[in-house]
Every structure is written in C-alpha cells, then in structure tokens.
Amino acid sequence: AWTPGALDADADRFRSIYLPVPILPP
C-alpha cells in the first residue's frame, strides 16, 4: 500500500509535524 505517492504524502505529513531532525546519539 506504500506506493511512491503514498510515501511522498507521508513525508509531507512528517514535515508538517517536525522541523528537520539533524542529529541524535547513535
């Protein structure tokens, strides 16, 4: 069900919730 279009839309939802997450400890 995760077509390229669905993944694109999911990434848009992610960016609407988060600012870019640049770093975490390993």
PDB file of all heavy atoms in Angstrom:
ATOM      1  N   ALA A   1       0.826  -1.214   0.000  1.00  0.00           N
ATOM      2  CA  ALA A   1       0.000   0.000   0.000  1.00  0.00           C
ATOM      3  C   ALA A   1       0.856   1.259   0.000  1.00  0.00           C
ATOM      4  O   ALA A   1       0.372   2.349  -0.337  1.00  0.00           O
ATOM      5  CB  ALA A   1      -0.923  -0.005   1.207  1.00  0.00           C
ATOM      6  N   TRP A   2       2.140   1.120   0.376  1.00  0.00           N
ATOM      7  CA  TRP A   2       3.039   2.280   0.410  1.00  0.00           C
ATOM      8  C   TRP A   2       3.658   2.493  -0.967  1.00  0.00           C
ATOM      9  O   TRP A   2       4.832   2.214  -1.199  1.00  0.00           O
ATOM     10  CB  TRP A   2       4.114   2.091   1.481  1.00  0.00           C
ATOM     11  CG  TRP A   2       3.580   2.204   2.870  1.00  0.00           C
ATOM     12  CD1 TRP A   2       3.234   1.188   3.706  1.00  0.00           C
ATOM     13  CD2 TRP A   2       3.290   3.418   3.576  1.00  0.00           C
ATOM     14  NE1 TRP A   2       2.748   1.679   4.888  1.00  0.00           N
ATOM     15  CE2 TRP A   2       2.783   3.042   4.850  1.00  0.00           C
ATOM     16  CE3 TRP A   2       3.422   4.769   3.260  1.00  0.00           C
ATOM     17  CZ2 TRP A   2       2.403   3.993   5.797  1.00  0.00           C
ATOM     18  CZ3 TRP A   2       3.038   5.702   4.219  1.00  0.00           C
ATOM     19  CH2 TRP A   2       2.544   5.319   5.456  1.00  0.00           C
ATOM     20  N   THR A   3       2.870   2.995  -1.869  1.00  0.00           N
ATOM     21  CA  THR A   3       3.340   3.357  -3.206  1.00  0.00           C
ATOM     22  C   THR A   3       4.256   4.572  -3.111  1.00  0.00           C
ATOM     23  O   THR A   3       4.300   5.257  -2.071  1.00  0.00           O
ATOM     24  CB  THR A   3       2.146   3.687  -4.109  1.00  0.00           C
ATOM     25  OG1 THR A   3       1.490   4.853  -3.552  1.00  0.00           O
ATOM     26  CG2 THR A   3       1.163   2.517  -4.178  1.00  0.00           C
ATOM     27  N   PRO A   4       5.015   4.895  -4.179  1.00  0.00           N
ATOM     28  CA  PRO A   4       5.820   6.123  -4.139  1.00  0.00           C
ATOM     29  C   PRO A   4       5.007   7.356  -3.786  1.00  0.00           C
ATOM     30  O   PRO A   4       5.461   8.212  -3.021  1.00  0.00           O
ATOM     31  CB  PRO A   4       6.390   6.196  -5.558  1.00  0.00           C
ATOM     32  CG  PRO A   4       6.512   4.761  -5.982  1.00  0.00           C
ATOM     33  CD  PRO A   4       5.300   4.090  -5.384  1.00  0.00           C
ATOM     34  N   GLY A   5       3.798   7.451  -4.307  1.00  0.00           N
ATOM     35  CA  GLY A   5       2.950   8.591  -3.974  1.00  0.00           C
ATOM     36  C   GLY A   5       2.558   8.611  -2.513  1.00  0.00           C
ATOM     37  O   GLY A   5       2.515   9.666  -1.874  1.00  0.00           O
ATOM     38  N   ALA A   6       2.265   7.422  -1.947  1.00  0.00           N
ATOM     39  CA  ALA A   6       1.897   7.346  -0.533  1.00  0.00           C
ATOM     40  C   ALA A   6       3.076   7.722   0.352  1.00  0.00           C
ATOM     41  O   ALA A   6       2.909   8.388   1.385  1.00  0.00           O
ATOM     42  CB  ALA A   6       1.398   5.944  -0.194  1.00  0.00           C
ATOM     43  N   LEU A   7       4.283   7.306  -0.040  1.00  0.00           N
ATOM     44  CA  LEU A   7       5.469   7.679   0.729  1.00  0.00           C
ATOM     45  C   LEU A   7       5.726   9.178   0.650  1.00  0.00           C
ATOM     46  O   LEU A   7       6.130   9.807   1.639  1.00  0.00           O
ATOM     47  CB  LEU A   7       6.687   6.897   0.224  1.00  0.00           C
ATOM     48  CG  LEU A   7       6.704   5.397   0.551  1.00  0.00           C
ATOM     49  CD1 LEU A   7       7.867   4.720  -0.157  1.00  0.00           C
ATOM     50  CD2 LEU A   7       6.784   5.164   2.053  1.00  0.00           C
ATOM     51  N   ASP A   8       5.507   9.760  -0.522  1.00  0.00           N
ATOM     52  CA  ASP A   8       5.649  11.221  -0.659  1.00  0.00           C
ATOM     53  C   ASP A   8       4.683  11.949   0.277  1.00  0.00           C
ATOM     54  O   ASP A   8       5.052  12.912   0.955  1.00  0.00           O
ATOM     55  CB  ASP A   8       5.377  11.649  -2.105  1.00  0.00           C
ATOM     56  CG  ASP A   8       6.531  11.352  -3.037  1.00  0.00           C
ATOM     57  OD1 ASP A   8       7.654  11.138  -2.531  1.00  0.00           O
ATOM     58  OD2 ASP A   8       6.319  11.331  -4.263  1.00  0.00           O
ATOM     59  N   ALA A   9       3.426  11.491   0.292  1.00  0.00           N
ATOM     60  CA  ALA A   9       2.423  12.130   1.142  1.00  0.00           C
ATOM     61  C   ALA A   9       2.774  11.951   2.614  1.00  0.00           C
ATOM     62  O   ALA A   9       2.570  12.857   3.433  1.00  0.00           O
ATOM     63  CB  ALA A   9       1.038  11.549   0.844  1.00  0.00           C
ATOM     64  N   ASP A  10       3.309  10.785   2.959  1.00  0.00           N
ATOM     65  CA  ASP A  10       3.719  10.525   4.336  1.00  0.00           C
ATOM     66  C   ASP A  10       4.856  11.461   4.738  1.00  0.00           C
ATOM     67  O   ASP A  10       4.882  11.972   5.857  1.00  0.00           O
ATOM     68  CB  ASP A  10       4.155   9.072   4.468  1.00  0.00           C
ATOM     69  CG  ASP A  10       4.259   8.611   5.909  1.00  0.00           C
ATOM     70  OD1 ASP A  10       3.257   8.719   6.633  1.00  0.00           O
ATOM     71  OD2 ASP A  10       5.355   8.144   6.310  1.00  0.00           O
ATOM     72  N   ALA A  11       5.797  11.693   3.822  1.00  0.00           N
ATOM     73  CA  ALA A  11       6.902  12.619   4.099  1.00  0.00           C
ATOM     74  C   ALA A  11       6.387  14.044   4.303  1.00  0.00           C
ATOM     75  O   ALA A  11       6.903  14.789   5.146  1.00  0.00           O
ATOM     76  CB  ALA A  11       7.923  12.575   2.963  1.00  0.00           C
ATOM     77  N   ASP A  12       5.357  14.429   3.546  1.00  0.00           N
ATOM     78  CA  ASP A  12       4.751  15.753   3.748  1.00  0.00           C
ATOM     79  C   ASP A  12       4.127  15.849   5.140  1.00  0.00           C
ATOM     80  O   ASP A  12       4.234  16.895   5.801  1.00  0.00           O
ATOM     81  CB  ASP A  12       3.693  16.018   2.670  1.00  0.00           C
ATOM     82  CG  ASP A  12       4.306  16.290   1.303  1.00  0.00           C
ATOM     83  OD1 ASP A  12       5.503  16.651   1.240  1.00  0.00           O
ATOM     84  OD2 ASP A  12       3.581  16.138   0.301  1.00  0.00           O
ATOM     85  N   ARG A  13       3.471  14.780   5.587  1.00  0.00           N
ATOM     86  CA  ARG A  13       2.899  14.781   6.934  1.00  0.00           C
ATOM     87  C   ARG A  13       4.002  14.894   7.982  1.00  0.00           C
ATOM     88  O   ARG A  13       3.860  15.622   8.978  1.00  0.00           O
ATOM     89  CB  ARG A  13       2.078  13.505   7.164  1.00  0.00           C
ATOM     90  CG  ARG A  13       0.739  13.489   6.445  1.00  0.00           C
ATOM     91  CD  ARG A  13      -0.142  12.347   6.917  1.00  0.00           C
ATOM     92  NE  ARG A  13       0.420  11.054   6.554  1.00  0.00           N
ATOM     93  CZ  ARG A  13       0.173  10.438   5.403  1.00  0.00           C
ATOM     94  NH1 ARG A  13      -0.614  11.000   4.493  1.00  0.00           N
ATOM     95  NH2 ARG A  13       0.709   9.257   5.154  1.00  0.00           N
ATOM     96  N   PHE A  14       5.090  14.172   7.751  1.00  0.00           N
ATOM     97  CA  PHE A  14       6.224  14.245   8.679  1.00  0.00           C
ATOM     98  C   PHE A  14       6.736  15.681   8.790  1.00  0.00           C
ATOM     99  O   PHE A  14       6.958  16.189   9.889  1.00  0.00           O
ATOM    100  CB  PHE A  14       7.334  13.311   8.183  1.00  0.00           C
ATOM    101  CG  PHE A  14       8.622  13.422   8.954  1.00  0.00           C
ATOM    102  CD1 PHE A  14       8.752  12.851  10.203  1.00  0.00           C
ATOM    103  CD2 PHE A  14       9.705  14.107   8.424  1.00  0.00           C
ATOM    104  CE1 PHE A  14       9.943  12.954  10.923  1.00  0.00           C
ATOM    105  CE2 PHE A  14      10.892  14.223   9.127  1.00  0.00           C
ATOM    106  CZ  PHE A  14      11.009  13.646  10.381  1.00  0.00           C
ATOM    107  N   ARG A  15       6.904  16.342   7.650  1.00  0.00           N
ATOM    108  CA  ARG A  15       7.435  17.713   7.665  1.00  0.00           C
ATOM    109  C   ARG A  15       6.441  18.707   8.263  1.00  0.00           C
ATOM    110  O   ARG A  15       6.836  19.778   8.715  1.00  0.00           O
ATOM    111  CB  ARG A  15       7.831  18.119   6.247  1.00  0.00           C
ATOM    112  CG  ARG A  15       9.123  17.462   5.775  1.00  0.00           C
ATOM    113  CD  ARG A  15       9.575  18.021   4.435  1.00  0.00           C
ATOM    114  NE  ARG A  15       8.749  17.521   3.348  1.00  0.00           N
ATOM    115  CZ  ARG A  15       9.049  16.450   2.612  1.00  0.00           C
ATOM    116  NH1 ARG A  15      10.165  15.766   2.850  1.00  0.00           N
ATOM    117  NH2 ARG A  15       8.247  16.057   1.641  1.00  0.00           N
ATOM    118  N   SER A  16       5.163  18.370   8.277  1.00  0.00           N
ATOM    119  CA  SER A  16       4.185  19.257   8.906  1.00  0.00           C
ATOM    120  C   SER A  16       4.214  19.148  10.432  1.00  0.00           C
ATOM    121  O   SER A  16       3.721  20.042  11.131  1.00  0.00           O
ATOM    122  CB  SER A  16       2.770  18.933   8.397  1.00  0.00           C
ATOM    123  OG  SER A  16       2.285  17.717   8.945  1.00  0.00           O
ATOM    124  N   ILE A  17       4.798  18.062  10.945  1.00  0.00           N
ATOM    125  CA  ILE A  17       4.858  17.820  12.391  1.00  0.00           C
ATOM    126  C   ILE A  17       6.217  18.197  12.963  1.00  0.00           C
ATOM    127  O   ILE A  17       6.313  18.704  14.088  1.00  0.00           O
ATOM    128  CB  ILE A  17       4.553  16.338  12.689  1.00  0.00           C
ATOM    129  CG1 ILE A  17       3.134  15.987  12.239  1.00  0.00           C
ATOM    130  CG2 ILE A  17       4.752  16.007  14.162  1.00  0.00           C
ATOM    131  CD1 ILE A  17       2.856  14.506  12.200  1.00  0.00           C
ATOM    132  N   TYR A  18       7.272  17.946  12.194  1.00  0.00           N
ATOM    133  CA  TYR A  18       8.641  18.131  12.658  1.00  0.00           C
ATOM    134  C   TYR A  18       9.377  19.187  11.849  1.00  0.00           C
ATOM    135  O   TYR A  18       9.226  19.257  10.614  1.00  0.00           O
ATOM    136  CB  TYR A  18       9.439  16.833  12.507  1.00  0.00           C
ATOM    137  CG  TYR A  18       9.113  15.731  13.473  1.00  0.00           C
ATOM    138  CD1 TYR A  18       8.234  14.701  13.120  1.00  0.00           C
ATOM    139  CD2 TYR A  18       9.722  15.677  14.719  1.00  0.00           C
ATOM    140  CE1 TYR A  18       7.961  13.664  13.994  1.00  0.00           C
ATOM    141  CE2 TYR A  18       9.464  14.636  15.600  1.00  0.00           C
ATOM    142  CZ  TYR A  18       8.586  13.634  15.235  1.00  0.00           C
ATOM    143  OH  TYR A  18       8.318  12.602  16.100  1.00  0.00           O
ATOM    144  N   LEU A  19      10.221  19.967  12.517  1.00  0.00           N
ATOM    145  CA  LEU A  19      11.329  20.597  11.827  1.00  0.00           C
ATOM    146  C   LEU A  19      12.346  19.507  11.530  1.00  0.00           C
ATOM    147  O   LEU A  19      12.329  18.437  12.153  1.00  0.00           O
ATOM    148  CB  LEU A  19      11.965  21.671  12.713  1.00  0.00           C
ATOM    149  CG  LEU A  19      11.108  22.914  12.988  1.00  0.00           C
ATOM    150  CD1 LEU A  19      11.856  23.862  13.928  1.00  0.00           C
ATOM    151  CD2 LEU A  19      10.745  23.623  11.701  1.00  0.00           C
ATOM    152  N   PRO A  20      13.263  19.717  10.564  1.00  0.00           N
ATOM    153  CA  PRO A  20      14.261  18.675  10.296  1.00  0.00           C
ATOM    154  C   PRO A  20      14.968  18.235  11.578  1.00  0.00           C
ATOM    155  O   PRO A  20      15.311  19.057  12.435  1.00  0.00           O
ATOM    156  CB  PRO A  20      15.231  19.370   9.336  1.00  0.00           C
ATOM    157  CG  PRO A  20      14.378  20.369   8.620  1.00  0.00           C
ATOM    158  CD  PRO A  20      13.396  20.871   9.653  1.00  0.00           C
ATOM    159  N   VAL A  21      15.146  16.927  11.698  1.00  0.00           N
ATOM    160  CA  VAL A  21      15.830  16.355  12.860  1.00  0.00           C
ATOM    161  C   VAL A  21      17.273  16.089  12.427  1.00  0.00           C
ATOM    162  O   VAL A  21      17.545  15.105  11.741  1.00  0.00           O
ATOM    163  CB  VAL A  21      15.152  15.058  13.330  1.00  0.00           C
ATOM    164  CG1 VAL A  21      15.869  14.482  14.553  1.00  0.00           C
ATOM    165  CG2 VAL A  21      13.675  15.306  13.634  1.00  0.00           C
ATOM    166  N   PRO A  22      18.241  16.949  12.813  1.00  0.00           N
ATOM    167  CA  PRO A  22      19.570  16.840  12.221  1.00  0.00           C
ATOM    168  C   PRO A  22      20.495  15.838  12.881  1.00  0.00           C
ATOM    169  O   PRO A  22      21.450  15.371  12.240  1.00  0.00           O
ATOM    170  CB  PRO A  22      20.134  18.257  12.371  1.00  0.00           C
ATOM    171  CG  PRO A  22      19.459  18.800  13.588  1.00  0.00           C
ATOM    172  CD  PRO A  22      18.087  18.183  13.606  1.00  0.00           C
ATOM    173  N   ILE A  23      20.257  15.480  14.146  1.00  0.00           N
ATOM    174  CA  ILE A  23      21.243  14.637  14.824  1.00  0.00           C
ATOM    175  C   ILE A  23      20.627  13.989  16.058  1.00  0.00           C
ATOM    176  O   ILE A  23      19.773  14.583  16.736  1.00  0.00           O
ATOM    177  CB  ILE A  23      22.488  15.481  15.237  1.00  0.00           C
ATOM    178  CG1 ILE A  23      23.644  14.588  15.678  1.00  0.00           C
ATOM    179  CG2 ILE A  23      22.138  16.507  16.296  1.00  0.00           C
ATOM    180  CD1 ILE A  23      24.198  13.723  14.568  1.00  0.00           C
ATOM    181  N   LEU A  24      21.044  12.748  16.323  1.00  0.00           N
ATOM    182  CA  LEU A  24      20.762  12.038  17.573  1.00  0.00           C
ATOM    183  C   LEU A  24      22.011  11.259  17.953  1.00  0.00           C
ATOM    184  O   LEU A  24      22.843  10.951  17.080  1.00  0.00           O
ATOM    185  CB  LEU A  24      19.597  11.047  17.407  1.00  0.00           C
ATOM    186  CG  LEU A  24      18.182  11.576  17.189  1.00  0.00           C
ATOM    187  CD1 LEU A  24      17.217  10.404  17.069  1.00  0.00           C
ATOM    188  CD2 LEU A  24      17.752  12.492  18.311  1.00  0.00           C
ATOM    189  N   PRO A  25      22.184  10.888  19.209  1.00  0.00           N
ATOM    190  CA  PRO A  25      23.282   9.983  19.569  1.00  0.00           C
ATOM    191  C   PRO A  25      23.035   8.607  18.941  1.00  0.00           C
ATOM    192  O   PRO A  25      21.871   8.204  18.771  1.00  0.00           O
ATOM    193  CB  PRO A  25      23.221   9.917  21.092  1.00  0.00           C
ATOM    194  CG  PRO A  25      22.342  11.054  21.504  1.00  0.00           C
ATOM    195  CD  PRO A  25      21.401  11.302  20.375  1.00  0.00           C
ATOM    196  N   PRO A  26      24.072   7.865  18.598  1.00  0.00           N
ATOM    197  CA  PRO A  26      23.874   6.581  17.901  1.00  0.00           C
ATOM    198  C   PRO A  26      22.964   5.595  18.619  1.00  0.00           C
ATOM    199  O   PRO A  26      22.202   4.879  17.959  1.00  0.00           O
ATOM    200  CB  PRO A  26      25.305   6.032  17.782  1.00  0.00           C
ATOM    201  CG  PRO A  26      26.156   7.254  17.709  1.00  0.00           C
ATOM    202  CD  PRO A  26      25.498   8.230  18.646  1.00  0.00           C
TER     203      PRO A  26
END
